[in-house]
């Protein structure tokens, strides 16, 4: 199953991804597909990724030592490592739980804010609604798994 994992740059050390589990993740769920009936598969996947980026912002709020850039890790894991219990009513419909560790060969790519976004992300973390809207409009940069060690911090 393809998952979009919210993370921080502190979860990447020397190009190695280290994530605690269980962990919130986002996926193309039946509920998300139903919510977006006019979107094709790529559009629904992008929506799940954006919801993971929102969760990455929440992670940053709880990790003040991490660089203030949102990070989403795309992985492909066995279905039995994912709890697809429908989320609570106030949670995103793409929400699932990763229940086991991610092997390095399961990481597909990562998406991260460009370094110039850090001041906006910091302002959003401080409660600036305009900055929050601005980062919601920013595209995350794509990095192949072979480039993880070169992601600017």
N, C-alpha and C. Protein backbone atom coordinates (compact mmCIF):
# COMPACT_ATOMS: atom_id res chain seq x y z
N UNK A 1 0.85 -1.17 0.00
CA UNK A 1 0.00 0.00 0.00
C UNK A 1 0.89 1.23 0.00
N UNK A 2 0.53 2.19 -0.80
CA UNK A 2 1.28 3.45 -0.84
C UNK A 2 0.79 4.36 0.27
N UNK A 3 1.75 4.86 1.04
CA UNK A 3 1.45 5.77 2.14
C UNK A 3 2.24 7.05 1.99
N UNK A 4 1.69 8.09 2.55
CA UNK A 4 2.34 9.39 2.61
C UNK A 4 2.53 9.68 4.09
N UNK A 5 3.79 9.68 4.52
CA UNK A 5 4.12 9.80 5.94
C UNK A 5 4.55 11.21 6.28
N UNK A 6 3.83 11.89 7.15
CA UNK A 6 4.32 13.18 7.62
C UNK A 6 5.56 12.94 8.47
N UNK A 7 6.55 13.83 8.32
CA UNK A 7 7.80 13.66 9.05
C UNK A 7 8.46 15.03 9.19
N UNK A 8 9.60 15.03 9.87
CA UNK A 8 10.44 16.22 9.96
C UNK A 8 11.81 15.84 9.42
N UNK A 9 12.61 16.85 9.13
CA UNK A 9 13.96 16.57 8.65
C UNK A 9 14.81 15.88 9.72
N UNK A 10 14.42 15.98 10.97
CA UNK A 10 15.12 15.24 12.03
C UNK A 10 14.91 13.74 11.89
N UNK A 11 13.88 13.32 11.15
CA UNK A 11 13.64 11.89 10.92
C UNK A 11 14.57 11.34 9.84
N UNK A 12 15.31 12.22 9.17
CA UNK A 12 16.30 11.82 8.17
C UNK A 12 17.69 12.14 8.71
N UNK A 13 18.46 11.14 8.92
CA UNK A 13 19.84 11.33 9.41
C UNK A 13 20.79 10.66 8.44
N UNK A 14 21.67 11.46 7.84
CA UNK A 14 22.64 10.93 6.89
C UNK A 14 21.98 10.09 5.80
N UNK A 15 20.83 10.55 5.35
CA UNK A 15 20.14 9.86 4.28
C UNK A 15 19.35 8.64 4.70
N UNK A 16 19.27 8.40 6.00
CA UNK A 16 18.54 7.23 6.51
C UNK A 16 17.29 7.72 7.23
N UNK A 17 16.17 7.12 6.88
CA UNK A 17 14.90 7.48 7.48
C UNK A 17 14.68 6.66 8.74
N UNK A 18 14.41 7.35 9.84
CA UNK A 18 14.13 6.69 11.11
C UNK A 18 12.79 7.21 11.61
N UNK A 19 11.79 6.32 11.64
CA UNK A 19 10.45 6.72 12.06
C UNK A 19 9.96 5.83 13.18
N UNK A 20 9.37 6.46 14.18
CA UNK A 20 8.71 5.69 15.23
C UNK A 20 7.38 5.17 14.71
N UNK A 21 7.02 3.98 15.14
CA UNK A 21 5.72 3.41 14.81
C UNK A 21 5.08 2.92 16.09
N UNK A 22 3.77 2.89 16.18
CA UNK A 22 2.82 3.27 15.13
C UNK A 22 2.90 4.77 14.83
N UNK A 23 2.47 5.10 13.63
CA UNK A 23 2.60 6.46 13.13
C UNK A 23 1.42 6.81 12.23
N UNK A 24 0.97 8.05 12.36
CA UNK A 24 -0.07 8.55 11.45
C UNK A 24 0.49 8.56 10.04
N UNK A 25 -0.36 8.21 9.09
CA UNK A 25 0.01 8.24 7.69
C UNK A 25 -1.25 8.58 6.90
N UNK A 26 -1.05 8.83 5.63
CA UNK A 26 -2.19 9.14 4.76
C UNK A 26 -2.10 8.26 3.53
N UNK A 27 -3.28 7.89 3.01
CA UNK A 27 -3.36 7.00 1.86
C UNK A 27 -4.61 7.33 1.07
N UNK A 28 -4.66 6.77 -0.13
CA UNK A 28 -5.88 6.86 -0.92
C UNK A 28 -6.85 5.83 -0.34
N UNK A 29 -7.79 6.32 0.43
CA UNK A 29 -8.78 5.46 1.07
C UNK A 29 -10.09 5.53 0.28
N UNK A 30 -10.97 4.56 0.47
CA UNK A 30 -12.27 4.65 -0.19
C UNK A 30 -13.01 5.95 0.16
N UNK A 31 -12.89 6.39 1.40
CA UNK A 31 -13.57 7.63 1.81
C UNK A 31 -13.00 8.84 1.08
N UNK A 32 -11.69 8.87 0.87
CA UNK A 32 -11.07 9.99 0.15
C UNK A 32 -11.51 9.98 -1.31
N UNK A 33 -11.53 8.81 -1.91
CA UNK A 33 -11.97 8.69 -3.30
C UNK A 33 -13.41 9.13 -3.45
N UNK A 34 -14.26 8.79 -2.48
CA UNK A 34 -15.66 9.20 -2.50
C UNK A 34 -15.78 10.71 -2.35
N UNK A 35 -14.93 11.28 -1.51
CA UNK A 35 -14.95 12.73 -1.26
C UNK A 35 -14.56 13.52 -2.51
N UNK A 36 -13.73 12.91 -3.37
CA UNK A 36 -13.20 13.60 -4.55
C UNK A 36 -13.60 12.84 -5.83
N UNK A 37 -14.89 12.74 -6.13
CA UNK A 37 -15.33 11.90 -7.24
C UNK A 37 -14.86 12.37 -8.62
N UNK A 38 -14.53 13.64 -8.76
CA UNK A 38 -14.12 14.17 -10.06
C UNK A 38 -12.61 14.09 -10.30
N UNK A 39 -11.86 13.64 -9.28
CA UNK A 39 -10.41 13.55 -9.41
C UNK A 39 -10.00 12.20 -9.97
N UNK A 40 -8.94 12.21 -10.78
CA UNK A 40 -8.37 10.95 -11.23
C UNK A 40 -7.46 10.40 -10.14
N UNK A 41 -6.85 9.26 -10.38
CA UNK A 41 -6.03 8.61 -9.36
C UNK A 41 -4.89 9.51 -8.88
N UNK A 42 -4.25 10.19 -9.81
CA UNK A 42 -3.15 11.09 -9.45
C UNK A 42 -3.64 12.24 -8.57
N UNK A 43 -4.81 12.78 -8.87
CA UNK A 43 -5.36 13.87 -8.07
C UNK A 43 -5.69 13.44 -6.66
N UNK A 44 -6.22 12.23 -6.50
CA UNK A 44 -6.55 11.72 -5.17
C UNK A 44 -5.27 11.44 -4.38
N UNK A 45 -4.25 10.92 -5.07
CA UNK A 45 -2.95 10.71 -4.40
C UNK A 45 -2.37 12.04 -3.94
N UNK A 46 -2.48 13.07 -4.77
CA UNK A 46 -1.97 14.39 -4.41
C UNK A 46 -2.71 14.93 -3.19
N UNK A 47 -4.01 14.69 -3.12
CA UNK A 47 -4.80 15.14 -1.95
C UNK A 47 -4.30 14.44 -0.68
N UNK A 48 -4.02 13.16 -0.75
CA UNK A 48 -3.49 12.43 0.41
C UNK A 48 -2.13 12.99 0.81
N UNK A 49 -1.31 13.31 -0.17
CA UNK A 49 0.00 13.89 0.12
C UNK A 49 -0.15 15.25 0.81
N UNK A 50 -1.09 16.06 0.35
CA UNK A 50 -1.31 17.37 0.97
C UNK A 50 -1.77 17.23 2.42
N UNK A 51 -2.60 16.23 2.67
CA UNK A 51 -3.05 16.00 4.06
C UNK A 51 -1.87 15.56 4.92
N UNK A 52 -0.95 14.81 4.35
CA UNK A 52 0.26 14.43 5.08
C UNK A 52 1.13 15.67 5.35
N UNK A 53 1.18 16.60 4.40
CA UNK A 53 1.95 17.83 4.59
C UNK A 53 1.35 18.65 5.74
N UNK A 54 0.03 18.66 5.85
CA UNK A 54 -0.61 19.34 6.98
C UNK A 54 -0.19 18.69 8.30
N UNK A 55 -0.15 17.36 8.32
CA UNK A 55 0.29 16.65 9.53
C UNK A 55 1.76 16.90 9.82
N UNK A 56 2.57 17.09 8.78
CA UNK A 56 3.98 17.40 8.99
C UNK A 56 4.12 18.72 9.72
N UNK A 57 3.24 19.67 9.43
CA UNK A 57 3.25 20.94 10.14
C UNK A 57 2.93 20.73 11.62
N UNK A 58 2.00 19.85 11.91
CA UNK A 58 1.68 19.52 13.30
C UNK A 58 2.89 18.90 13.99
N UNK A 59 3.59 18.00 13.30
CA UNK A 59 4.80 17.40 13.86
C UNK A 59 5.86 18.46 14.16
N UNK A 60 6.01 19.42 13.24
CA UNK A 60 6.99 20.49 13.46
C UNK A 60 6.65 21.30 14.71
N UNK A 61 5.37 21.52 14.94
CA UNK A 61 4.96 22.28 16.13
C UNK A 61 5.40 21.57 17.41
N UNK A 62 5.46 20.24 17.36
CA UNK A 62 5.88 19.47 18.54
C UNK A 62 7.36 19.13 18.56
N UNK A 63 8.10 19.61 17.56
CA UNK A 63 9.54 19.31 17.46
C UNK A 63 10.29 20.61 17.17
N UNK A 64 10.41 21.49 18.16
CA UNK A 64 11.01 22.80 17.90
C UNK A 64 12.47 22.75 17.45
N UNK A 65 13.16 21.64 17.68
CA UNK A 65 14.56 21.55 17.27
C UNK A 65 14.71 21.22 15.79
N UNK A 66 13.65 20.75 15.15
CA UNK A 66 13.72 20.34 13.74
C UNK A 66 13.73 21.56 12.83
N UNK A 67 14.41 21.47 11.69
CA UNK A 67 14.33 22.55 10.70
C UNK A 67 12.87 22.77 10.31
N UNK A 68 12.50 24.03 10.13
CA UNK A 68 11.09 24.36 9.89
C UNK A 68 10.71 24.20 8.42
N UNK A 69 10.76 22.97 7.96
CA UNK A 69 10.34 22.61 6.62
C UNK A 69 9.47 21.36 6.72
N UNK A 70 8.34 21.39 6.02
CA UNK A 70 7.47 20.20 6.01
C UNK A 70 8.12 19.11 5.17
N UNK A 71 7.94 17.87 5.61
CA UNK A 71 8.50 16.73 4.90
C UNK A 71 7.43 15.65 4.81
N UNK A 72 7.26 15.08 3.62
CA UNK A 72 6.36 13.96 3.40
C UNK A 72 7.17 12.85 2.74
N UNK A 73 7.14 11.68 3.33
CA UNK A 73 7.87 10.53 2.81
C UNK A 73 6.86 9.59 2.16
N UNK A 74 7.08 9.27 0.90
CA UNK A 74 6.21 8.34 0.19
C UNK A 74 6.83 6.95 0.27
N UNK A 75 6.04 6.01 0.78
CA UNK A 75 6.53 4.63 0.94
C UNK A 75 5.51 3.67 0.33
N UNK A 76 5.99 2.49 0.03
CA UNK A 76 5.14 1.40 -0.45
C UNK A 76 5.40 0.23 0.50
N UNK A 77 4.41 -0.06 1.37
CA UNK A 77 4.58 -1.10 2.38
C UNK A 77 3.53 -2.19 2.21
N UNK A 78 3.78 -3.31 2.85
CA UNK A 78 2.81 -4.41 2.82
C UNK A 78 1.51 -3.97 3.49
N UNK A 79 0.41 -4.42 2.94
CA UNK A 79 -0.91 -4.05 3.48
C UNK A 79 -1.06 -4.40 4.95
N UNK A 80 -0.41 -5.48 5.40
CA UNK A 80 -0.58 -5.87 6.80
C UNK A 80 0.16 -4.96 7.78
N UNK A 81 0.89 -3.97 7.28
CA UNK A 81 1.54 -2.98 8.14
C UNK A 81 0.70 -1.71 8.28
N UNK A 82 -0.51 -1.75 7.73
CA UNK A 82 -1.36 -0.55 7.73
C UNK A 82 -2.71 -0.87 8.38
N UNK A 83 -3.05 -0.08 9.39
CA UNK A 83 -4.37 -0.16 10.01
C UNK A 83 -5.26 0.85 9.29
N UNK A 84 -6.26 0.34 8.60
CA UNK A 84 -7.15 1.20 7.80
C UNK A 84 -8.48 1.45 8.49
N UNK A 85 -8.50 1.31 9.81
CA UNK A 85 -9.71 1.62 10.57
C UNK A 85 -10.14 3.04 10.23
N UNK A 86 -11.40 3.25 9.88
CA UNK A 86 -11.84 4.61 9.53
C UNK A 86 -11.53 5.59 10.67
N UNK A 87 -11.04 6.77 10.29
CA UNK A 87 -10.66 7.76 11.31
C UNK A 87 -11.88 8.36 12.00
N UNK A 88 -11.61 9.02 13.10
CA UNK A 88 -12.66 9.75 13.82
C UNK A 88 -13.24 10.81 12.89
N UNK A 89 -14.43 11.25 13.22
CA UNK A 89 -15.16 12.19 12.37
C UNK A 89 -14.39 13.50 12.12
N UNK A 90 -13.59 13.92 13.09
CA UNK A 90 -12.86 15.19 12.95
C UNK A 90 -11.47 15.03 12.32
N UNK A 91 -11.14 13.83 11.87
CA UNK A 91 -9.84 13.55 11.26
C UNK A 91 -9.96 13.50 9.74
N UNK A 92 -8.84 13.70 9.03
CA UNK A 92 -8.88 13.61 7.56
C UNK A 92 -9.28 12.20 7.11
N UNK A 93 -10.04 12.11 6.03
CA UNK A 93 -10.53 10.81 5.55
C UNK A 93 -9.42 9.95 4.96
N UNK A 94 -8.26 10.54 4.74
CA UNK A 94 -7.11 9.78 4.22
C UNK A 94 -6.28 9.15 5.33
N UNK A 95 -6.62 9.41 6.58
CA UNK A 95 -5.80 8.97 7.70
C UNK A 95 -5.84 7.46 7.90
N UNK A 96 -4.64 6.87 8.01
CA UNK A 96 -4.45 5.47 8.35
C UNK A 96 -3.31 5.43 9.36
N UNK A 97 -2.98 4.24 9.85
CA UNK A 97 -1.88 4.11 10.80
C UNK A 97 -0.87 3.11 10.28
N UNK A 98 0.38 3.54 10.21
CA UNK A 98 1.48 2.63 9.89
C UNK A 98 1.83 1.91 11.19
N UNK A 99 1.78 0.58 11.19
CA UNK A 99 1.97 -0.18 12.43
C UNK A 99 3.32 -0.85 12.54
N UNK A 100 4.10 -0.85 11.48
CA UNK A 100 5.41 -1.51 11.51
C UNK A 100 6.47 -0.65 10.87
N UNK A 101 7.73 -1.04 11.06
CA UNK A 101 8.83 -0.23 10.53
C UNK A 101 8.89 -0.24 9.00
N UNK A 102 9.44 0.83 8.47
CA UNK A 102 9.63 0.98 7.03
C UNK A 102 11.07 0.59 6.70
N UNK A 103 11.21 -0.35 5.77
CA UNK A 103 12.55 -0.73 5.31
C UNK A 103 13.05 0.32 4.30
N UNK A 104 14.35 0.48 4.20
CA UNK A 104 14.89 1.46 3.23
C UNK A 104 14.40 1.22 1.80
N UNK A 105 14.23 -0.04 1.40
CA UNK A 105 13.80 -0.32 0.03
C UNK A 105 12.32 -0.04 -0.19
N UNK A 106 11.59 0.32 0.85
CA UNK A 106 10.17 0.67 0.72
C UNK A 106 9.94 2.17 0.53
N UNK A 107 10.99 2.97 0.70
CA UNK A 107 10.89 4.41 0.50
C UNK A 107 10.95 4.69 -1.00
N UNK A 108 9.95 5.40 -1.50
CA UNK A 108 9.86 5.72 -2.92
C UNK A 108 10.51 7.08 -3.21
N UNK A 109 10.12 8.07 -2.44
CA UNK A 109 10.64 9.43 -2.62
C UNK A 109 10.25 10.25 -1.40
N UNK A 110 10.72 11.48 -1.37
CA UNK A 110 10.30 12.41 -0.33
C UNK A 110 9.94 13.74 -0.99
N UNK A 111 9.08 14.47 -0.32
CA UNK A 111 8.70 15.82 -0.73
C UNK A 111 8.98 16.74 0.45
N UNK A 112 9.61 17.87 0.17
CA UNK A 112 9.98 18.79 1.24
C UNK A 112 9.85 20.23 0.74
N UNK A 113 9.56 21.13 1.68
CA UNK A 113 9.54 22.55 1.34
C UNK A 113 10.92 22.98 0.88
N UNK A 114 10.96 23.94 -0.03
CA UNK A 114 12.24 24.53 -0.39
C UNK A 114 12.74 25.34 0.81
N UNK A 115 14.05 25.45 0.98
CA UNK A 115 14.58 26.15 2.16
C UNK A 115 14.03 27.57 2.35
N UNK A 116 13.71 28.24 1.24
CA UNK A 116 13.19 29.61 1.33
C UNK A 116 11.83 29.67 2.01
N UNK A 117 11.16 28.54 2.16
CA UNK A 117 9.85 28.50 2.81
C UNK A 117 9.95 28.52 4.33
N UNK A 118 11.13 28.29 4.87
CA UNK A 118 11.29 28.16 6.32
C UNK A 118 10.71 29.34 7.12
N UNK A 119 10.96 30.59 6.71
CA UNK A 119 10.35 31.69 7.49
C UNK A 119 8.83 31.66 7.48
N UNK A 120 8.23 31.32 6.34
CA UNK A 120 6.76 31.22 6.28
C UNK A 120 6.26 30.09 7.16
N UNK A 121 6.94 28.95 7.12
CA UNK A 121 6.54 27.82 7.95
C UNK A 121 6.64 28.22 9.42
N UNK A 122 7.71 28.90 9.78
CA UNK A 122 7.88 29.34 11.17
C UNK A 122 6.75 30.27 11.60
N UNK A 123 6.38 31.20 10.71
CA UNK A 123 5.27 32.11 11.04
C UNK A 123 3.96 31.34 11.16
N UNK A 124 3.76 30.36 10.30
CA UNK A 124 2.54 29.53 10.39
C UNK A 124 2.52 28.79 11.72
N UNK A 125 3.66 28.30 12.14
CA UNK A 125 3.74 27.59 13.43
C UNK A 125 3.46 28.53 14.60
N UNK A 126 3.74 29.82 14.40
CA UNK A 126 3.46 30.82 15.43
C UNK A 126 2.02 31.33 15.38
N UNK A 127 1.21 30.76 14.47
CA UNK A 127 -0.20 31.12 14.43
C UNK A 127 -0.59 32.16 13.39
N UNK A 128 0.32 32.51 12.50
CA UNK A 128 0.04 33.49 11.45
C UNK A 128 -0.82 32.83 10.37
N UNK A 129 -2.10 33.21 10.30
CA UNK A 129 -3.03 32.62 9.34
C UNK A 129 -2.64 32.89 7.89
N UNK A 130 -2.10 34.09 7.63
CA UNK A 130 -1.68 34.40 6.26
C UNK A 130 -0.53 33.48 5.84
N UNK A 131 0.41 33.26 6.72
CA UNK A 131 1.54 32.37 6.42
C UNK A 131 1.04 30.94 6.22
N UNK A 132 0.06 30.54 7.00
CA UNK A 132 -0.51 29.20 6.84
C UNK A 132 -1.14 29.04 5.46
N UNK A 133 -1.87 30.06 5.02
CA UNK A 133 -2.45 30.03 3.67
C UNK A 133 -1.35 30.00 2.61
N UNK A 134 -0.29 30.78 2.83
CA UNK A 134 0.81 30.82 1.86
C UNK A 134 1.49 29.47 1.71
N UNK A 135 1.76 28.79 2.83
CA UNK A 135 2.44 27.50 2.69
C UNK A 135 1.51 26.44 2.13
N UNK A 136 0.21 26.60 2.34
CA UNK A 136 -0.73 25.66 1.74
C UNK A 136 -0.70 25.76 0.22
N UNK A 137 -0.32 26.91 -0.30
CA UNK A 137 -0.23 27.12 -1.75
C UNK A 137 1.12 26.70 -2.33
N UNK A 138 2.11 26.48 -1.48
CA UNK A 138 3.44 26.11 -1.95
C UNK A 138 3.49 24.64 -2.33
N UNK A 139 4.17 24.37 -3.43
CA UNK A 139 4.43 22.98 -3.80
C UNK A 139 5.65 22.48 -3.04
N UNK A 140 5.61 21.24 -2.65
CA UNK A 140 6.78 20.62 -2.03
C UNK A 140 7.70 20.13 -3.14
N UNK A 141 9.00 20.22 -2.91
CA UNK A 141 9.98 19.74 -3.88
C UNK A 141 10.10 18.23 -3.78
N UNK A 142 10.28 17.58 -4.94
CA UNK A 142 10.37 16.13 -5.02
C UNK A 142 11.84 15.71 -5.01
N UNK A 143 12.16 14.71 -4.20
CA UNK A 143 13.50 14.13 -4.16
C UNK A 143 13.39 12.63 -4.33
N UNK A 144 14.16 12.10 -5.25
CA UNK A 144 14.25 10.65 -5.41
C UNK A 144 14.92 10.07 -4.16
N UNK A 145 14.67 8.81 -3.91
CA UNK A 145 15.25 8.16 -2.73
C UNK A 145 16.78 8.24 -2.75
N UNK A 146 17.37 8.24 -3.93
CA UNK A 146 18.85 8.32 -4.03
C UNK A 146 19.36 9.71 -3.66
N UNK A 147 18.49 10.70 -3.55
CA UNK A 147 18.88 12.08 -3.26
C UNK A 147 18.62 12.49 -1.81
N UNK A 148 18.13 11.59 -1.00
CA UNK A 148 17.71 11.94 0.36
C UNK A 148 18.84 12.59 1.15
N UNK A 149 20.05 12.09 1.02
CA UNK A 149 21.17 12.65 1.77
C UNK A 149 21.50 14.08 1.36
N UNK A 150 21.03 14.52 0.19
CA UNK A 150 21.34 15.85 -0.32
C UNK A 150 20.25 16.88 -0.07
N UNK A 151 19.23 16.51 0.70
CA UNK A 151 18.14 17.46 0.97
C UNK A 151 18.67 18.58 1.85
N UNK A 152 18.51 19.83 1.40
CA UNK A 152 18.98 20.96 2.22
C UNK A 152 18.20 21.05 3.53
N UNK A 153 18.89 21.35 4.57
CA UNK A 153 18.27 21.50 5.89
C UNK A 153 18.22 22.97 6.21
